[in-house]
Protein backbone atom coordinates (compact mmCIF):
# COMPACT_ATOMS: atom_id res chain seq x y z
CA MET A 1 41.92 2.86 -14.40
CA CYS A 2 42.30 -0.39 -16.39
CA ILE A 3 40.00 0.83 -19.14
CA ARG A 4 41.77 4.18 -19.38
CA HIS A 5 45.14 2.44 -19.53
CA SER A 6 43.87 0.17 -22.29
CA ILE A 7 42.71 3.15 -24.32
CA PHE A 8 46.12 4.82 -24.02
CA MET A 9 47.84 1.59 -25.05
CA LEU A 10 45.57 1.19 -28.06
CA ALA A 11 46.17 4.79 -29.10
CA ALA A 12 49.92 4.27 -28.88
CA ILE A 13 49.72 1.13 -30.99
CA LEU A 14 47.56 2.89 -33.56
CA VAL A 15 49.91 5.83 -33.82
CA ALA A 16 52.92 3.49 -34.24
CA GLY A 17 51.07 1.52 -36.90
CA CYS A 18 50.10 4.63 -38.72
CA GLY A 19 53.73 5.77 -38.63
CA ALA A 20 54.79 2.55 -40.30
CA LEU A 21 52.09 2.99 -42.91
CA ALA A 22 53.24 6.50 -43.58
CA ALA A 23 56.80 5.31 -44.19
CA GLY A 24 55.69 3.88 -47.51
CA ILE A 25 54.17 7.16 -48.65
CA SER A 26 55.81 10.38 -49.67
CA ASP A 27 57.30 12.53 -46.95
CA GLU A 28 54.85 15.27 -47.83
CA MET A 29 51.71 13.14 -47.44
CA ALA A 30 52.79 10.89 -44.55
CA PRO A 31 52.13 13.25 -41.60
CA GLN A 32 48.66 14.16 -42.88
CA ILE A 33 47.62 10.58 -43.64
CA SER A 34 48.99 9.11 -40.42
CA THR A 35 47.24 11.75 -38.35
CA GLU A 36 43.90 11.31 -40.12
CA VAL A 37 44.03 7.52 -39.86
CA ALA A 38 45.01 7.65 -36.19
CA VAL A 39 42.14 10.02 -35.38
CA GLN A 40 39.55 8.01 -37.31
CA VAL A 41 40.57 4.58 -36.03
CA GLY A 42 41.32 5.81 -32.52
CA THR A 43 37.91 7.48 -32.28
CA ALA A 44 36.18 4.28 -33.40
CA VAL A 45 38.06 2.23 -30.79
CA VAL A 46 37.30 4.66 -27.98
CA GLU A 47 33.61 4.77 -28.95
CA GLN A 48 33.44 0.98 -28.98
CA ILE A 49 35.11 0.69 -25.57
CA GLY A 50 32.78 3.33 -24.17
CA THR A 51 29.74 1.47 -25.47
CA GLU A 52 30.91 -1.81 -23.97
CA VAL A 53 31.67 -0.21 -20.60
CA ALA A 54 28.25 1.47 -20.47
CA SER A 55 26.53 -1.79 -21.39
CA GLN A 56 28.46 -3.66 -18.72
CA ALA A 57 27.64 -1.08 -16.06
CA THR A 58 23.92 -1.19 -16.91
CA THR A 59 23.91 -4.99 -16.75
CA GLU A 60 25.73 -5.04 -13.42
CA THR A 61 23.28 -2.51 -11.94
CA ALA A 62 20.27 -4.56 -13.08
CA VAL A 63 21.75 -7.79 -11.77
CA GLY A 64 22.62 -6.13 -8.46
CA ALA A 65 19.05 -4.87 -7.99
CA ALA A 66 17.66 -8.31 -8.86
CA ASP A 67 19.99 -9.96 -6.34
CA ILE A 68 18.87 -7.60 -3.58
CA GLN A 69 15.19 -8.20 -4.32
CA ALA A 70 15.70 -11.97 -4.41
CA GLU A 71 17.53 -11.90 -1.08
CA THR A 72 14.99 -9.72 0.76
CA GLY A 73 11.85 -11.00 -0.94
CA GLU A 74 11.02 -7.53 -2.23
CA GLN A 75 8.68 -7.18 -5.20
CA ILE A 76 7.78 -4.36 -7.57
CA ALA A 77 4.11 -3.83 -8.40
CA GLN A 78 1.69 -1.29 -9.88
CA VAL A 79 -1.17 0.00 -7.71
CA THR A 80 -4.49 -0.52 -9.48
CA ARG A 81 -6.98 0.26 -6.70
CA VAL A 82 -7.03 1.78 -3.21
CA ILE A 83 -9.44 -0.16 -1.01
CA ASP A 84 -9.10 1.83 2.21
CA GLY A 85 -6.40 3.29 4.43
CA ASP A 86 -4.46 0.06 4.85
CA THR A 87 -5.36 -2.08 1.84
CA ILE A 88 -4.65 -1.82 -1.89
CA ASP A 89 -4.83 -3.93 -5.03
CA VAL A 90 -1.73 -4.19 -7.19
CA LEU A 91 -0.71 -5.78 -10.45
CA LEU A 92 2.12 -8.14 -9.54
CA ASP A 93 3.71 -10.47 -12.10
CA GLY A 94 0.66 -10.11 -14.33
CA LYS A 95 -1.80 -10.97 -11.56
CA THR A 96 -3.96 -8.78 -9.32
CA GLU A 97 -3.04 -9.22 -5.66
CA ARG A 98 -4.52 -7.62 -2.55
CA ILE A 99 -1.97 -6.05 -0.21
CA ARG A 100 -2.60 -5.53 3.50
CA TYR A 101 -0.23 -3.02 5.07
CA LEU A 102 1.88 -4.39 7.90
CA GLN A 103 2.10 -3.08 11.46
CA MET A 104 -0.86 -0.71 11.25
CA ASN A 105 -4.62 -0.40 11.01
CA THR A 106 -6.95 2.34 9.75
CA PRO A 107 -10.65 2.96 10.45
CA GLU A 108 -13.12 0.56 8.87
CA ARG A 109 -15.94 1.62 6.57
CA SER A 110 -18.63 3.69 8.36
CA ALA A 111 -16.23 4.38 11.27
CA PRO A 112 -15.04 7.91 12.03
CA CYS A 113 -12.12 9.05 9.84
CA TYR A 114 -12.54 6.19 7.35
CA ARG A 115 -12.84 8.55 4.38
CA GLU A 116 -9.94 10.74 5.48
CA SER A 117 -7.52 7.86 6.04
CA THR A 118 -8.51 6.27 2.74
CA GLU A 119 -7.96 9.53 0.89
CA MET A 120 -4.57 9.99 2.54
CA ASN A 121 -3.52 6.51 1.45
CA ALA A 122 -4.75 7.22 -2.08
CA ASP A 123 -2.77 10.45 -2.19
CA LEU A 124 0.37 8.46 -1.44
CA VAL A 125 -0.04 5.38 -3.63
CA ALA A 126 -2.82 5.68 -6.24
CA GLY A 127 -1.43 4.76 -9.67
CA GLN A 128 2.09 4.46 -8.30
CA THR A 129 4.75 1.83 -8.82
CA VAL A 130 5.44 0.46 -5.36
CA ARG A 131 8.05 -1.71 -3.70
CA LEU A 132 6.60 -4.43 -1.48
CA VAL A 133 8.71 -5.62 1.46
CA PRO A 134 7.71 -8.63 3.57
CA ASP A 135 8.22 -9.34 7.26
CA LYS A 136 8.06 -12.86 8.72
CA GLU A 137 4.52 -13.93 7.84
CA LEU A 138 3.69 -13.37 4.17
CA ILE A 139 -0.06 -13.99 3.85
CA ASP A 140 -2.99 -13.40 6.22
CA PRO A 141 -6.04 -15.69 6.67
CA TYR A 142 -7.84 -13.79 3.90
CA ASP A 143 -5.11 -14.54 1.34
CA ARG A 144 -3.91 -10.94 1.34
CA LEU A 145 -0.19 -10.34 0.99
CA LEU A 146 1.23 -8.73 4.12
CA ARG A 147 3.74 -6.07 3.15
CA TYR A 148 5.47 -2.80 3.93
CA VAL A 149 4.73 -0.53 0.97
CA TYR A 150 7.28 1.90 -0.41
CA VAL A 151 6.85 4.62 -3.04
CA GLY A 152 10.42 5.39 -3.94
CA GLU A 153 12.16 5.60 -0.57
CA VAL A 154 8.99 6.65 1.28
CA LEU A 155 7.55 3.97 3.58
CA VAL A 156 3.80 4.51 3.26
CA ASN A 157 2.95 2.53 6.42
CA ARG A 158 5.22 4.83 8.41
CA VAL A 159 3.78 8.02 6.92
CA LEU A 160 0.22 6.98 7.79
CA VAL A 161 1.12 6.20 11.40
CA GLU A 162 3.22 9.33 11.78
CA GLY A 163 0.43 11.49 10.38
CA GLY A 164 -2.15 10.02 12.73
CA TRP A 165 -4.14 8.30 9.99
CA ALA A 166 -3.37 4.80 11.28
CA GLU A 167 -2.88 3.10 14.62
CA VAL A 168 -0.15 0.61 15.37
CA VAL A 169 -1.19 -3.02 15.43
CA LEU A 170 1.05 -5.98 16.18
CA TYR A 171 0.09 -9.07 14.26
CA PRO A 172 2.63 -11.64 15.47
CA PRO A 173 5.09 -12.75 14.27
CA ASN A 174 5.43 -9.61 12.12
CA ASP A 175 7.21 -7.08 14.32
CA MET A 176 10.04 -5.56 12.26
CA ARG A 177 8.77 -1.95 12.63
CA TYR A 178 6.73 -2.31 15.79
CA ASP A 179 8.83 -0.30 18.27
CA GLU A 180 9.37 2.50 15.77
CA PHE A 181 5.67 2.70 14.93
CA VAL A 182 4.63 2.70 18.61
CA ARG A 183 6.81 5.76 19.16
CA LEU A 184 5.41 7.50 16.09
CA GLU A 185 1.81 6.81 17.09
CA ALA A 186 2.40 8.22 20.57
CA GLU A 187 3.80 11.40 19.03
CA ALA A 188 0.86 11.68 16.63
CA ALA A 189 -1.67 11.16 19.40
CA ALA A 190 0.00 13.75 21.64
CA ALA A 191 -0.04 16.25 18.78
CA GLY A 192 -3.67 15.48 17.88
CA ARG A 193 -2.83 14.58 14.31
CA GLY A 194 -5.03 12.88 11.74
CA CYS A 195 -7.74 10.63 13.15
CA HIS A 196 -6.66 10.79 16.80
CA PRO A 197 -9.02 13.62 17.81
CA THR A 198 -11.98 11.40 16.89
CA GLY A 199 -10.99 8.82 19.53
CA ILE A 200 -11.20 6.01 16.96
CA PHE A 201 -7.85 4.60 18.07
CA ASP A 202 -8.47 4.78 21.82
CA ASP A 203 -8.98 1.07 22.45
CA GLY A 204 -6.00 0.70 24.76
CA SER A 205 -4.42 -2.09 22.72
CA THR A 206 -1.84 -2.47 19.95
CA THR A 207 -2.30 -6.19 19.40
CA ARG A 208 -4.81 -8.29 17.48
């Protein structure tokens, strides 16, 4: 509302100024000249204000996103390699980092459903720009970054558990999604989704 009001005020001032200018010109030419000047100058002012407002809005959006990421510890990265169903390599701040998905585990190499879970993960994240969200503990003993991985608004960890391609694993103190994932795994197992029919997840435990 302030910007619109300012534009109206500027237009009024311009019209008044142009009227004064026209007073020094012949009666026949004054209306034409004042109108043309008002239109030309008024258009330039409006365009300038519009440009400044757009620039300000873009800056505020960028700053807002940066503030959110700084507060939550989120990071943006590019996936460069899919290792298996729960591990990827990403390019983060110019450096290759290995990411271990939080709150879940997929079959290891040579185990049943390893290929299928790896392919499902690749379908979701290969070549994608991802958003990495931490929990409490940031790095595991193997120097892998522990993260929830988002593609857009899709939480990849959740999709893998819900589809039966991953089992829930609690690695304390990281527990932000634990209760939700336990429920999703139970539903996937009951429905016989993904890897569950192979029995690979039937170890009777969700902790490591």
